[in-house]
């Protein structure tokens, strides 16, 4: 038992590091590892992941806000959609089999990996004014190697709709749904990648908290599993927050794409072969 706890803790440190660097939140990494590599029941793995996601958000978000990367206005606005979606997803998880959840998990990760690997051309000319962004003052600035750089949010309505879906995925799969959040902000709302990942980390704790209560009520949160996962991911997330400040965006994209592609294939295989 002690060896298992130590193993879970070390794996969680790595998951927290990757989660902080990519905006995934750690939960999307730890659930496949716990279920595929360590044989943990997927529902208990998802319960532990939800609690750990809250720890990840607490560990990384404070650093990102202090450094000036996270956009708090955008994060709070989009959390309205993700929280509603998370409650819906958490309710549905008790009605769907573990194998189907695993297949859905894998498909979401593979789709996110595909979209992330296809670079979009930078918009030409001045950015069109989004009336919602203008009304809510959702623009901002962030530090770069060449100085502070300003940006404007676009297609806020479409981003809000995707966040509703991200929340549902979070509640249904027991993750922070950082992959969808990052893609929505990066590809749809055209926010800088570092702003997207850091704002995602700022948001995922609230999204996870909305559905964690439902998992706790159903008995899917085991303290003996959740504690090493939470502590490990918190340590990894804190370290990742420091590394991200100096990390190159291209490297972050490749890490983001590669990690979720591998995990997506693993979950899809386990789900289709009734591995759960």
C-alpha atoms as a PDB file:
ATOM      1  CA  UNK A   1       0.000   0.000   0.000  1.00  0.00           C
ATOM      2  CA  UNK A   2       2.831   2.391   0.884  1.00  0.00           C
ATOM      3  CA  UNK A   3       4.592   1.661  -2.420  1.00  0.00           C
ATOM      4  CA  UNK A   4       1.366   2.317  -4.322  1.00  0.00           C
ATOM      5  CA  UNK A   5       0.862   5.637  -2.513  1.00  0.00           C
ATOM      6  CA  UNK A   6       4.434   6.753  -3.295  1.00  0.00           C
ATOM      7  CA  UNK A   7       4.020   5.741  -6.947  1.00  0.00           C
ATOM      8  CA  UNK A   8       0.763   7.676  -7.219  1.00  0.00           C
ATOM      9  CA  UNK A   9       2.419  10.710  -5.629  1.00  0.00           C
ATOM     10  CA  UNK A  10       5.385  10.719  -8.025  1.00  0.00           C
ATOM     11  CA  UNK A  11       3.181  10.248 -11.069  1.00  0.00           C
ATOM     12  CA  UNK A  12       0.982  13.082  -9.831  1.00  0.00           C
ATOM     13  CA  UNK A  13       3.963  15.437  -9.614  1.00  0.00           C
ATOM     14  CA  UNK A  14       4.653  14.821 -13.319  1.00  0.00           C
ATOM     15  CA  UNK A  15       0.961  15.257 -14.137  1.00  0.00           C
ATOM     16  CA  UNK A  16       0.829  18.560 -12.282  1.00  0.00           C
ATOM     17  CA  UNK A  17       3.939  19.805 -14.087  1.00  0.00           C
ATOM     18  CA  UNK A  18       2.466  18.993 -17.504  1.00  0.00           C
ATOM     19  CA  UNK A  19      -0.907  20.379 -16.485  1.00  0.00           C
ATOM     20  CA  UNK A  20       0.535  23.727 -15.444  1.00  0.00           C
ATOM     21  CA  UNK A  21       2.703  24.080 -18.562  1.00  0.00           C
ATOM     22  CA  UNK A  22      -0.081  23.255 -21.022  1.00  0.00           C
ATOM     23  CA  UNK A  23      -3.179  24.533 -19.227  1.00  0.00           C
ATOM     24  CA  UNK A  24      -4.623  21.005 -19.071  1.00  0.00           C
ATOM     25  CA  UNK A  25      -4.857  21.070 -15.304  1.00  0.00           C
ATOM     26  CA  UNK A  26      -3.246  17.737 -14.466  1.00  0.00           C
ATOM     27  CA  UNK A  27      -6.532  15.830 -14.278  1.00  0.00           C
ATOM     28  CA  UNK A  28      -6.483  14.941 -17.953  1.00  0.00           C
ATOM     29  CA  UNK A  29      -3.073  13.331 -17.422  1.00  0.00           C
ATOM     30  CA  UNK A  30      -3.633  11.586 -14.092  1.00  0.00           C
ATOM     31  CA  UNK A  31      -6.933   9.858 -14.977  1.00  0.00           C
ATOM     32  CA  UNK A  32      -5.474   7.764 -17.848  1.00  0.00           C
ATOM     33  CA  UNK A  33      -2.330   7.001 -15.833  1.00  0.00           C
ATOM     34  CA  UNK A  34      -4.274   5.836 -12.773  1.00  0.00           C
ATOM     35  CA  UNK A  35      -6.669   3.696 -14.795  1.00  0.00           C
ATOM     36  CA  UNK A  36      -4.389   2.323 -17.531  1.00  0.00           C
ATOM     37  CA  UNK A  37      -1.090   1.948 -15.652  1.00  0.00           C
ATOM     38  CA  UNK A  38      -2.164   1.460 -12.038  1.00  0.00           C
ATOM     39  CA  UNK A  39      -5.528  -0.287 -12.455  1.00  0.00           C
ATOM     40  CA  UNK A  40      -7.636   2.188 -10.472  1.00  0.00           C
ATOM     41  CA  UNK A  41     -11.405   2.193 -11.118  1.00  0.00           C
ATOM     42  CA  UNK A  42     -12.084   5.016 -13.556  1.00  0.00           C
ATOM     43  CA  UNK A  43     -14.807   6.641 -11.443  1.00  0.00           C
ATOM     44  CA  UNK A  44     -12.512   6.861  -8.387  1.00  0.00           C
ATOM     45  CA  UNK A  45      -9.717   8.144 -10.622  1.00  0.00           C
ATOM     46  CA  UNK A  46     -12.031  10.877 -11.901  1.00  0.00           C
ATOM     47  CA  UNK A  47     -13.037  11.803  -8.362  1.00  0.00           C
ATOM     48  CA  UNK A  48      -9.405  12.137  -7.301  1.00  0.00           C
ATOM     49  CA  UNK A  49      -8.653  14.108 -10.469  1.00  0.00           C
ATOM     50  CA  UNK A  50     -11.400  16.639  -9.773  1.00  0.00           C
ATOM     51  CA  UNK A  51     -10.034  17.368  -6.301  1.00  0.00           C
ATOM     52  CA  UNK A  52      -6.491  17.555  -7.677  1.00  0.00           C
ATOM     53  CA  UNK A  53      -7.599  19.968 -10.379  1.00  0.00           C
ATOM     54  CA  UNK A  54      -8.700  22.368  -7.654  1.00  0.00           C
ATOM     55  CA  UNK A  55      -5.227  22.043  -6.106  1.00  0.00           C
ATOM     56  CA  UNK A  56      -3.585  22.617  -9.496  1.00  0.00           C
ATOM     57  CA  UNK A  57      -5.561  25.770 -10.060  1.00  0.00           C
ATOM     58  CA  UNK A  58      -4.627  27.051  -6.607  1.00  0.00           C
ATOM     59  CA  UNK A  59      -0.953  26.207  -7.102  1.00  0.00           C
ATOM     60  CA  UNK A  60      -0.458  27.695 -10.554  1.00  0.00           C
ATOM     61  CA  UNK A  61      -3.090  30.419 -10.899  1.00  0.00           C
ATOM     62  CA  UNK A  62      -1.696  32.666  -8.169  1.00  0.00           C
ATOM     63  CA  UNK A  63       1.710  32.763  -9.871  1.00  0.00           C
ATOM     64  CA  UNK A  64       0.204  33.446 -13.300  1.00  0.00           C
ATOM     65  CA  UNK A  65      -1.962  36.286 -12.003  1.00  0.00           C
ATOM     66  CA  UNK A  66       1.016  37.821 -10.190  1.00  0.00           C
ATOM     67  CA  UNK A  67       3.151  37.632 -13.354  1.00  0.00           C
ATOM     68  CA  UNK A  68       0.410  39.310 -15.423  1.00  0.00           C
ATOM     69  CA  UNK A  69      -0.416  36.398 -17.768  1.00  0.00           C
ATOM     70  CA  UNK A  70      -3.961  35.393 -16.728  1.00  0.00           C
ATOM     71  CA  UNK A  71      -6.914  37.505 -17.863  1.00  0.00           C
ATOM     72  CA  UNK A  72      -9.187  37.495 -14.813  1.00  0.00           C
ATOM     73  CA  UNK A  73     -12.080  39.266 -16.542  1.00  0.00           C
ATOM     74  CA  UNK A  74     -12.228  36.682 -19.321  1.00  0.00           C
ATOM     75  CA  UNK A  75     -11.839  33.842 -16.842  1.00  0.00           C
ATOM     76  CA  UNK A  76     -14.710  34.959 -14.615  1.00  0.00           C
ATOM     77  CA  UNK A  77     -16.985  35.621 -17.592  1.00  0.00           C
ATOM     78  CA  UNK A  78     -16.364  32.214 -19.176  1.00  0.00           C
ATOM     79  CA  UNK A  79     -16.753  30.421 -15.830  1.00  0.00           C
ATOM     80  CA  UNK A  80     -20.481  31.141 -15.956  1.00  0.00           C
ATOM     81  CA  UNK A  81     -20.723  28.736 -18.904  1.00  0.00           C
ATOM     82  CA  UNK A  82     -18.297  26.099 -17.594  1.00  0.00           C
ATOM     83  CA  UNK A  83     -19.950  25.895 -14.167  1.00  0.00           C
ATOM     84  CA  UNK A  84     -23.402  25.246 -15.654  1.00  0.00           C
ATOM     85  CA  UNK A  85     -21.925  22.658 -18.002  1.00  0.00           C
ATOM     86  CA  UNK A  86     -19.993  20.954 -15.171  1.00  0.00           C
ATOM     87  CA  UNK A  87     -23.149  20.406 -13.141  1.00  0.00           C
ATOM     88  CA  UNK A  88     -24.900  18.873 -16.147  1.00  0.00           C
ATOM     89  CA  UNK A  89     -21.941  16.586 -16.902  1.00  0.00           C
ATOM     90  CA  UNK A  90     -21.573  15.431 -13.277  1.00  0.00           C
ATOM     91  CA  UNK A  91     -25.248  14.443 -13.214  1.00  0.00           C
ATOM     92  CA  UNK A  92     -24.893  12.423 -16.432  1.00  0.00           C
ATOM     93  CA  UNK A  93     -21.825  10.472 -15.298  1.00  0.00           C
ATOM     94  CA  UNK A  94     -23.906   8.183 -13.098  1.00  0.00           C
ATOM     95  CA  UNK A  95     -26.012   7.163 -16.102  1.00  0.00           C
ATOM     96  CA  UNK A  96     -23.198   6.171 -18.495  1.00  0.00           C
ATOM     97  CA  UNK A  97     -20.953   3.074 -18.350  1.00  0.00           C
ATOM     98  CA  UNK A  98     -17.219   3.346 -17.627  1.00  0.00           C
ATOM     99  CA  UNK A  99     -16.254   2.012 -21.094  1.00  0.00           C
ATOM    100  CA  UNK A 100     -18.341   4.657 -22.866  1.00  0.00           C
ATOM    101  CA  UNK A 101     -16.849   7.375 -20.664  1.00  0.00           C
ATOM    102  CA  UNK A 102     -13.340   6.135 -21.547  1.00  0.00           C
ATOM    103  CA  UNK A 103     -14.105   6.196 -25.283  1.00  0.00           C
ATOM    104  CA  UNK A 104     -15.528   9.722 -25.008  1.00  0.00           C
ATOM    105  CA  UNK A 105     -12.443  10.744 -23.019  1.00  0.00           C
ATOM    106  CA  UNK A 106     -10.141   9.376 -25.729  1.00  0.00           C
ATOM    107  CA  UNK A 107     -12.042  11.014 -28.581  1.00  0.00           C
ATOM    108  CA  UNK A 108     -12.013  14.407 -26.849  1.00  0.00           C
ATOM    109  CA  UNK A 109      -8.242  14.181 -26.329  1.00  0.00           C
ATOM    110  CA  UNK A 110      -7.524  13.087 -29.920  1.00  0.00           C
ATOM    111  CA  UNK A 111      -9.703  15.857 -31.347  1.00  0.00           C
ATOM    112  CA  UNK A 112      -7.950  18.404 -29.126  1.00  0.00           C
ATOM    113  CA  UNK A 113      -4.550  17.106 -30.230  1.00  0.00           C
ATOM    114  CA  UNK A 114      -5.498  17.346 -33.918  1.00  0.00           C
ATOM    115  CA  UNK A 115      -6.789  20.903 -33.605  1.00  0.00           C
ATOM    116  CA  UNK A 116      -3.765  21.999 -31.600  1.00  0.00           C
ATOM    117  CA  UNK A 117      -1.316  20.595 -34.171  1.00  0.00           C
ATOM    118  CA  UNK A 118      -2.798  22.622 -37.028  1.00  0.00           C
ATOM    119  CA  UNK A 119      -1.463  26.143 -36.787  1.00  0.00           C
ATOM    120  CA  UNK A 120      -3.835  28.887 -37.818  1.00  0.00           C
ATOM    121  CA  UNK A 121      -2.607  31.875 -39.779  1.00  0.00           C
ATOM    122  CA  UNK A 122      -2.454  35.099 -37.830  1.00  0.00           C
ATOM    123  CA  UNK A 123      -5.331  37.446 -38.702  1.00  0.00           C
ATOM    124  CA  UNK A 124      -4.368  40.099 -41.242  1.00  0.00           C
ATOM    125  CA  UNK A 125      -5.125  43.730 -40.545  1.00  0.00           C
ATOM    126  CA  UNK A 126      -6.719  45.314 -37.475  1.00  0.00           C
ATOM    127  CA  UNK A 127      -8.733  43.034 -35.222  1.00  0.00           C
ATOM    128  CA  UNK A 128     -12.517  43.335 -35.682  1.00  0.00           C
ATOM    129  CA  UNK A 129     -14.231  44.834 -32.650  1.00  0.00           C
ATOM    130  CA  UNK A 130     -16.275  42.274 -30.740  1.00  0.00           C
ATOM    131  CA  UNK A 131     -19.223  44.098 -29.097  1.00  0.00           C
ATOM    132  CA  UNK A 132     -19.297  41.712 -26.114  1.00  0.00           C
ATOM    133  CA  UNK A 133     -15.558  42.035 -25.538  1.00  0.00           C
ATOM    134  CA  UNK A 134     -15.800  45.791 -25.850  1.00  0.00           C
ATOM    135  CA  UNK A 135     -18.744  46.022 -23.451  1.00  0.00           C
ATOM    136  CA  UNK A 136     -17.122  43.804 -20.808  1.00  0.00           C
ATOM    137  CA  UNK A 137     -13.584  45.140 -21.395  1.00  0.00           C
ATOM    138  CA  UNK A 138     -12.162  41.673 -22.093  1.00  0.00           C
ATOM    139  CA  UNK A 139      -8.942  42.842 -23.720  1.00  0.00           C
ATOM    140  CA  UNK A 140      -5.621  42.925 -21.916  1.00  0.00           C
ATOM    141  CA  UNK A 141      -1.851  42.706 -22.094  1.00  0.00           C
ATOM    142  CA  UNK A 142       0.846  40.270 -21.030  1.00  0.00           C
ATOM    143  CA  UNK A 143       4.650  40.327 -20.636  1.00  0.00           C
ATOM    144  CA  UNK A 144       6.862  39.038 -23.464  1.00  0.00           C
ATOM    145  CA  UNK A 145      10.609  38.943 -24.091  1.00  0.00           C
ATOM    146  CA  UNK A 146      10.299  42.208 -26.035  1.00  0.00           C
ATOM    147  CA  UNK A 147       8.037  43.988 -23.564  1.00  0.00           C
ATOM    148  CA  UNK A 148       4.353  44.161 -22.675  1.00  0.00           C
ATOM    149  CA  UNK A 149       2.078  43.167 -25.576  1.00  0.00           C
ATOM    150  CA  UNK A 150      -1.625  44.032 -25.876  1.00  0.00           C
ATOM    151  CA  UNK A 151      -4.356  41.804 -27.327  1.00  0.00           C
ATOM    152  CA  UNK A 152      -8.109  41.844 -27.934  1.00  0.00           C
ATOM    153  CA  UNK A 153     -10.628  39.023 -27.508  1.00  0.00           C
ATOM    154  CA  UNK A 154     -12.611  37.979 -30.605  1.00  0.00           C
ATOM    155  CA  UNK A 155     -15.688  35.816 -31.191  1.00  0.00           C
ATOM    156  CA  UNK A 156     -16.608  35.895 -27.525  1.00  0.00           C
ATOM    157  CA  UNK A 157     -20.047  34.366 -28.142  1.00  0.00           C
ATOM    158  CA  UNK A 158     -18.570  31.296 -29.833  1.00  0.00           C
ATOM    159  CA  UNK A 159     -15.991  30.952 -27.068  1.00  0.00           C
ATOM    160  CA  UNK A 160     -18.745  31.109 -24.441  1.00  0.00           C
ATOM    161  CA  UNK A 161     -20.625  28.291 -26.191  1.00  0.00           C
ATOM    162  CA  UNK A 162     -17.524  26.102 -26.284  1.00  0.00           C
ATOM    163  CA  UNK A 163     -16.970  26.741 -22.590  1.00  0.00           C
ATOM    164  CA  UNK A 164     -20.428  25.324 -21.870  1.00  0.00           C
ATOM    165  CA  UNK A 165     -19.320  22.152 -23.642  1.00  0.00           C
ATOM    166  CA  UNK A 166     -15.986  22.210 -21.782  1.00  0.00           C
ATOM    167  CA  UNK A 167     -17.827  22.332 -18.473  1.00  0.00           C
ATOM    168  CA  UNK A 168     -20.011  19.365 -19.433  1.00  0.00           C
ATOM    169  CA  UNK A 169     -16.905  17.377 -20.417  1.00  0.00           C
ATOM    170  CA  UNK A 170     -15.287  18.305 -17.087  1.00  0.00           C
ATOM    171  CA  UNK A 171     -18.204  17.042 -15.051  1.00  0.00           C
ATOM    172  CA  UNK A 172     -18.712  13.917 -17.176  1.00  0.00           C
ATOM    173  CA  UNK A 173     -15.052  12.844 -17.392  1.00  0.00           C
ATOM    174  CA  UNK A 174     -13.729  14.134 -14.082  1.00  0.00           C
ATOM    175  CA  UNK A 175     -11.183  16.517 -15.565  1.00  0.00           C
ATOM    176  CA  UNK A 176     -10.705  20.266 -15.693  1.00  0.00           C
ATOM    177  CA  UNK A 177     -11.346  20.168 -19.492  1.00  0.00           C
ATOM    178  CA  UNK A 178      -8.302  22.400 -19.959  1.00  0.00           C
ATOM    179  CA  UNK A 179      -7.731  21.048 -23.478  1.00  0.00           C
ATOM    180  CA  UNK A 180     -11.047  22.433 -24.726  1.00  0.00           C
ATOM    181  CA  UNK A 181     -10.649  25.673 -22.791  1.00  0.00           C
ATOM    182  CA  UNK A 182      -7.187  26.343 -24.174  1.00  0.00           C
ATOM    183  CA  UNK A 183      -8.299  25.594 -27.726  1.00  0.00           C
ATOM    184  CA  UNK A 184     -11.390  27.778 -27.367  1.00  0.00           C
ATOM    185  CA  UNK A 185      -9.405  30.768 -26.158  1.00  0.00           C
ATOM    186  CA  UNK A 186      -6.412  30.204 -28.444  1.00  0.00           C
ATOM    187  CA  UNK A 187      -8.147  29.234 -31.703  1.00  0.00           C
ATOM    188  CA  UNK A 188     -11.625  30.752 -31.430  1.00  0.00           C
ATOM    189  CA  UNK A 189     -11.115  33.877 -29.322  1.00  0.00           C
ATOM    190  CA  UNK A 190      -7.564  34.461 -30.694  1.00  0.00           C
ATOM    191  CA  UNK A 191      -5.941  35.054 -27.329  1.00  0.00           C
ATOM    192  CA  UNK A 192      -2.155  34.546 -27.090  1.00  0.00           C
ATOM    193  CA  UNK A 193      -1.267  30.934 -26.220  1.00  0.00           C
ATOM    194  CA  UNK A 194       0.330  31.777 -22.873  1.00  0.00           C
ATOM    195  CA  UNK A 195      -2.713  33.848 -21.926  1.00  0.00           C
ATOM    196  CA  UNK A 196      -4.960  30.940 -22.949  1.00  0.00           C
ATOM    197  CA  UNK A 197      -3.069  28.347 -20.874  1.00  0.00           C
ATOM    198  CA  UNK A 198      -2.749  30.532 -17.790  1.00  0.00           C
ATOM    199  CA  UNK A 199      -6.369  31.692 -17.892  1.00  0.00           C
ATOM    200  CA  UNK A 200      -7.408  28.043 -18.292  1.00  0.00           C
ATOM    201  CA  UNK A 201      -5.472  27.216 -15.105  1.00  0.00           C
ATOM    202  CA  UNK A 202      -7.238  30.100 -13.377  1.00  0.00           C
ATOM    203  CA  UNK A 203     -10.638  28.710 -14.422  1.00  0.00           C
ATOM    204  CA  UNK A 204     -10.325  24.955 -13.948  1.00  0.00           C
ATOM    205  CA  UNK A 205     -10.540  25.002 -10.156  1.00  0.00           C
ATOM    206  CA  UNK A 206     -13.986  26.598 -10.219  1.00  0.00           C
ATOM    207  CA  UNK A 207     -15.185  24.212 -12.920  1.00  0.00           C
ATOM    208  CA  UNK A 208     -13.944  21.178 -10.981  1.00  0.00           C
ATOM    209  CA  UNK A 209     -15.438  22.394  -7.697  1.00  0.00           C
ATOM    210  CA  UNK A 210     -18.853  22.640  -9.347  1.00  0.00           C
ATOM    211  CA  UNK A 211     -18.890  18.917 -10.132  1.00  0.00           C
ATOM    212  CA  UNK A 212     -16.728  17.556  -7.274  1.00  0.00           C
ATOM    213  CA  UNK A 213     -19.654  17.850  -4.870  1.00  0.00           C
ATOM    214  CA  UNK A 214     -21.707  15.482  -7.014  1.00  0.00           C
ATOM    215  CA  UNK A 215     -18.855  12.936  -7.109  1.00  0.00           C
ATOM    216  CA  UNK A 216     -18.443  13.202  -3.319  1.00  0.00           C
ATOM    217  CA  UNK A 217     -22.160  12.596  -2.790  1.00  0.00           C
ATOM    218  CA  UNK A 218     -21.959   9.433  -4.918  1.00  0.00           C
ATOM    219  CA  UNK A 219     -18.936   8.113  -3.013  1.00  0.00           C
ATOM    220  CA  UNK A 220     -16.421   8.397  -5.869  1.00  0.00           C
ATOM    221  CA  UNK A 221     -13.823  10.368  -3.860  1.00  0.00           C
ATOM    222  CA  UNK A 222     -11.530   8.043  -1.864  1.00  0.00           C
ATOM    223  CA  UNK A 223      -9.300  10.005   0.578  1.00  0.00           C
ATOM    224  CA  UNK A 224      -6.495   7.388   0.469  1.00  0.00           C
ATOM    225  CA  UNK A 225      -6.199   7.883  -3.305  1.00  0.00           C
ATOM    226  CA  UNK A 226      -7.100  11.562  -3.488  1.00  0.00           C
ATOM    227  CA  UNK A 227      -4.519  12.766  -0.939  1.00  0.00           C
ATOM    228  CA  UNK A 228      -1.304  11.651  -2.763  1.00  0.00           C
ATOM    229  CA  UNK A 229      -2.798  12.731  -6.097  1.00  0.00           C
ATOM    230  CA  UNK A 230      -3.689  16.182  -4.783  1.00  0.00           C
ATOM    231  CA  UNK A 231      -0.354  16.788  -3.036  1.00  0.00           C
ATOM    232  CA  UNK A 232       1.689  15.519  -5.983  1.00  0.00           C
ATOM    233  CA  UNK A 233      -0.164  17.597  -8.544  1.00  0.00           C
ATOM    234  CA  UNK A 234       0.078  20.685  -6.327  1.00  0.00           C
ATOM    235  CA  UNK A 235       3.880  20.320  -6.160  1.00  0.00           C
ATOM    236  CA  UNK A 236       4.141  19.748  -9.910  1.00  0.00           C
ATOM    237  CA  UNK A 237       1.814  22.653 -10.729  1.00  0.00           C
ATOM    238  CA  UNK A 238       3.824  25.073  -8.607  1.00  0.00           C
ATOM    239  CA  UNK A 239       7.042  24.063 -10.385  1.00  0.00           C
ATOM    240  CA  UNK A 240       5.371  24.240 -13.793  1.00  0.00           C
ATOM    241  CA  UNK A 241       4.147  27.769 -13.141  1.00  0.00           C
ATOM    242  CA  UNK A 242       7.736  28.932 -12.693  1.00  0.00           C
ATOM    243  CA  UNK A 243       8.982  27.135 -15.797  1.00  0.00           C
ATOM    244  CA  UNK A 244       6.211  28.462 -18.065  1.00  0.00           C
ATOM    245  CA  UNK A 245       7.287  32.091 -17.671  1.00  0.00           C
ATOM    246  CA  UNK A 246      10.485  31.416 -19.663  1.00  0.00           C
ATOM    247  CA  UNK A 247       9.187  28.574 -21.857  1.00  0.00           C
ATOM    248  CA  UNK A 248       8.947  28.921 -25.650  1.00  0.00           C
ATOM    249  CA  UNK A 249       5.399  28.885 -27.060  1.00  0.00           C
ATOM    250  CA  UNK A 250       6.279  26.419 -29.859  1.00  0.00           C
ATOM    251  CA  UNK A 251       7.646  23.937 -27.333  1.00  0.00           C
ATOM    252  CA  UNK A 252       4.519  24.278 -25.190  1.00  0.00           C
ATOM    253  CA  UNK A 253       2.280  23.571 -28.195  1.00  0.00           C
ATOM    254  CA  UNK A 254       4.246  20.434 -29.077  1.00  0.00           C
ATOM    255  CA  UNK A 255       4.158  19.150 -25.502  1.00  0.00           C
ATOM    256  CA  UNK A 256       0.427  19.895 -25.307  1.00  0.00           C
ATOM    257  CA  UNK A 257      -0.264  18.070 -28.588  1.00  0.00           C
ATOM    258  CA  UNK A 258       1.931  15.054 -27.889  1.00  0.00           C
ATOM    259  CA  UNK A 259       0.748  14.398 -24.344  1.00  0.00           C
ATOM    260  CA  UNK A 260      -2.974  14.481 -25.075  1.00  0.00           C
ATOM    261  CA  UNK A 261      -2.554  12.409 -28.272  1.00  0.00           C
ATOM    262  CA  UNK A 262      -0.821   9.554 -26.421  1.00  0.00           C
ATOM    263  CA  UNK A 263      -3.279   9.624 -23.539  1.00  0.00           C
ATOM    264  CA  UNK A 264      -6.213   9.786 -25.933  1.00  0.00           C
ATOM    265  CA  UNK A 265      -5.071   6.645 -27.762  1.00  0.00           C
ATOM    266  CA  UNK A 266      -4.589   4.792 -24.463  1.00  0.00           C
ATOM    267  CA  UNK A 267      -8.058   5.668 -23.195  1.00  0.00           C
ATOM    268  CA  UNK A 268      -9.680   4.832 -26.532  1.00  0.00           C
ATOM    269  CA  UNK A 269      -7.983   1.417 -26.570  1.00  0.00           C
ATOM    270  CA  UNK A 270      -9.031   0.591 -23.017  1.00  0.00           C
ATOM    271  CA  UNK A 271     -12.598   1.706 -23.639  1.00  0.00           C
ATOM    272  CA  UNK A 272     -13.078  -0.240 -26.880  1.00  0.00           C
ATOM    273  CA  UNK A 273     -11.550  -3.417 -25.440  1.00  0.00           C
ATOM    274  CA  UNK A 274     -13.681  -3.199 -22.277  1.00  0.00           C
ATOM    275  CA  UNK A 275     -10.571  -2.625 -20.181  1.00  0.00           C
ATOM    276  CA  UNK A 276     -12.607  -0.945 -17.470  1.00  0.00           C
END
